[in-house]
Protein backbone atom coordinates (compact mmCIF):
# COMPACT_ATOMS: atom_id res chain seq x y z
CA MET A 1 84.94 -130.03 -46.92
CA SER A 2 84.02 -127.61 -44.18
CA LYS A 3 81.11 -128.21 -41.84
CA ARG A 4 79.21 -125.45 -43.61
CA GLY A 5 79.99 -127.05 -46.96
CA THR A 6 78.33 -130.30 -45.99
CA THR A 7 75.07 -128.50 -45.36
CA VAL A 8 74.94 -126.46 -48.58
CA ALA A 9 75.63 -129.08 -51.26
CA PRO A 10 77.06 -132.56 -51.66
CA SER A 11 80.72 -132.98 -52.49
CA ILE A 12 81.71 -133.31 -56.12
CA GLY A 13 81.97 -136.82 -57.50
CA ARG A 14 80.74 -140.16 -56.24
CA HIS A 15 82.24 -142.03 -53.33
CA ASP A 16 81.91 -145.42 -51.65
CA LEU A 17 82.09 -144.05 -48.12
CA ALA A 18 81.09 -140.82 -46.40
CA ILE A 19 82.45 -140.11 -42.94
CA LEU A 20 80.91 -137.43 -40.74
CA LYS A 21 83.03 -137.27 -37.59
CA ALA A 22 82.13 -134.73 -34.92
CA VAL A 23 80.01 -132.75 -37.38
CA VAL A 24 76.33 -133.46 -36.89
CA GLN A 25 76.06 -132.56 -33.21
CA VAL A 26 77.50 -129.06 -33.60
CA LEU A 27 74.93 -128.08 -36.22
CA PRO A 28 71.35 -126.87 -35.83
CA PRO A 29 68.81 -129.60 -36.65
CA ASP A 30 68.08 -128.41 -40.20
CA GLN A 31 71.79 -128.34 -41.08
CA ALA A 32 72.42 -131.66 -39.33
CA ARG A 33 69.71 -133.18 -41.52
CA SER A 34 71.16 -131.51 -44.63
CA SER A 35 74.63 -132.83 -43.92
CA ILE A 36 73.30 -136.40 -43.90
CA LEU A 37 71.16 -135.84 -47.02
CA ASN A 38 74.15 -134.38 -48.87
CA ALA A 39 76.38 -137.25 -47.77
CA ALA A 40 73.88 -139.63 -49.38
CA ARG A 41 73.86 -137.59 -52.60
CA CYS A 42 77.61 -138.06 -53.05
CA LEU A 43 77.60 -141.83 -52.57
CA THR A 44 77.50 -144.56 -55.17
CA PRO A 45 74.56 -146.98 -54.92
CA GLY A 46 75.33 -149.33 -52.04
CA GLY A 47 77.80 -146.83 -50.56
CA GLU A 48 78.13 -146.50 -46.82
CA ILE A 49 77.95 -143.71 -44.30
CA ALA A 50 79.73 -143.60 -40.95
CA ILE A 51 78.68 -140.94 -38.47
CA ALA A 52 80.84 -140.80 -35.36
CA GLY A 53 80.92 -138.48 -32.43
CA TRP A 54 80.17 -137.80 -28.84
CA GLY A 55 76.90 -136.78 -27.33
CA VAL A 56 74.32 -139.04 -28.92
CA VAL A 57 71.51 -139.59 -26.44
CA ASP A 58 68.85 -142.27 -26.14
CA ASP A 59 65.38 -141.33 -27.34
CA ASP A 60 64.25 -140.59 -23.77
CA ARG A 61 67.23 -138.17 -23.42
CA LEU A 62 68.12 -139.72 -20.04
CA GLY A 63 71.22 -141.62 -21.09
CA PRO A 64 73.88 -142.56 -21.65
CA PRO A 65 75.37 -140.29 -18.95
CA GLU A 66 78.16 -138.91 -21.16
CA GLY A 67 75.61 -138.03 -23.86
CA VAL A 68 73.47 -136.13 -21.38
CA PHE A 69 76.54 -134.29 -20.05
CA LEU A 70 77.67 -133.38 -23.56
CA ASN A 71 74.18 -132.19 -24.43
CA LEU A 72 74.54 -129.56 -21.70
CA THR A 73 78.02 -128.73 -22.99
CA PHE A 74 76.91 -128.41 -26.64
CA LEU A 75 73.99 -126.20 -25.65
CA ASN A 76 76.43 -123.84 -23.96
CA LEU A 77 79.26 -123.93 -26.53
CA TYR A 78 77.46 -123.95 -29.87
CA ARG A 79 74.68 -121.62 -30.81
CA HIS A 80 72.47 -124.45 -32.04
CA GLY A 81 74.46 -127.49 -30.97
CA GLU A 82 72.84 -130.29 -29.07
CA SER A 83 73.03 -134.00 -28.57
CA TYR A 84 70.55 -135.50 -30.98
CA THR A 85 68.69 -138.68 -30.18
CA GLU A 86 69.14 -142.03 -31.82
CA GLY A 87 65.66 -141.61 -33.30
CA GLN A 88 66.62 -138.30 -34.91
CA TYR A 89 69.72 -139.82 -36.51
CA ARG A 90 67.73 -142.81 -37.75
CA ALA A 91 64.98 -140.60 -39.19
CA TRP A 92 67.46 -138.38 -41.06
CA MET A 93 69.38 -141.41 -42.36
CA THR A 94 66.19 -143.19 -43.45
CA GLU A 95 64.97 -140.04 -45.23
CA ALA A 96 68.31 -139.91 -47.08
CA GLY A 97 67.81 -143.49 -48.32
CA PHE A 98 70.01 -145.39 -45.88
CA ARG A 99 69.09 -148.86 -44.67
CA ASP A 100 70.55 -151.38 -42.23
CA ILE A 101 71.29 -148.58 -39.77
CA SER A 102 73.31 -149.68 -36.77
CA ARG A 103 74.45 -147.87 -33.64
CA SER A 104 77.51 -149.04 -31.75
CA ARG A 105 79.94 -147.70 -29.22
CA LEU A 106 83.58 -147.17 -30.13
CA PRO A 107 86.38 -148.06 -27.69
CA ASP A 108 86.77 -144.39 -26.72
CA GLY A 109 83.08 -144.26 -25.71
CA SER A 110 81.83 -142.25 -28.69
CA THR A 111 78.94 -143.41 -30.86
CA LEU A 112 79.15 -144.79 -34.38
CA PHE A 113 76.19 -145.01 -36.74
CA ARG A 114 76.72 -147.03 -39.92
CA ALA A 115 74.35 -147.62 -42.80
CA ARG A 116 74.24 -148.54 -46.47
CA LEU A 117 72.59 -146.48 -49.21
CA THR A 118 69.89 -148.34 -51.08
CA GLY A 119 70.02 -148.57 -54.82
C-alpha cells in the first residue's frame, strides 16, 4: 500500500502484524496519526504493530543526535516531514488501542516501536 493509502483507509482484510517502515516521519502529523489508526483497524485482536525508521527524537527534542540531525533533514526534504517525539508516537499508538508499547534501537541505529492491539 502506498504511503498515501495508509492515511486514507485501512488495508482490506485482517492481519496479525502491521509494519510501518520509514513511513510515519515523512507525513504531516495528521496523516502520521491516521496511518497508525488505520494500521490498528486492519489487525486482528491481539495483533502487533512494528514502526521502524530514523529520526525519532526524545520528548525534549534534544537527542538522540541522529534524530535531531534527521529532524533538520526531514524539515528540508519533506513538505510536512519531521522527527516526531517518543511521546507523539506513544499517544497515537495508545489512541489506536495499542498497549505494551516499547521503543528500542535496531543494530543500524534506527528506532523500533512495537505494541500489541488490545481486544
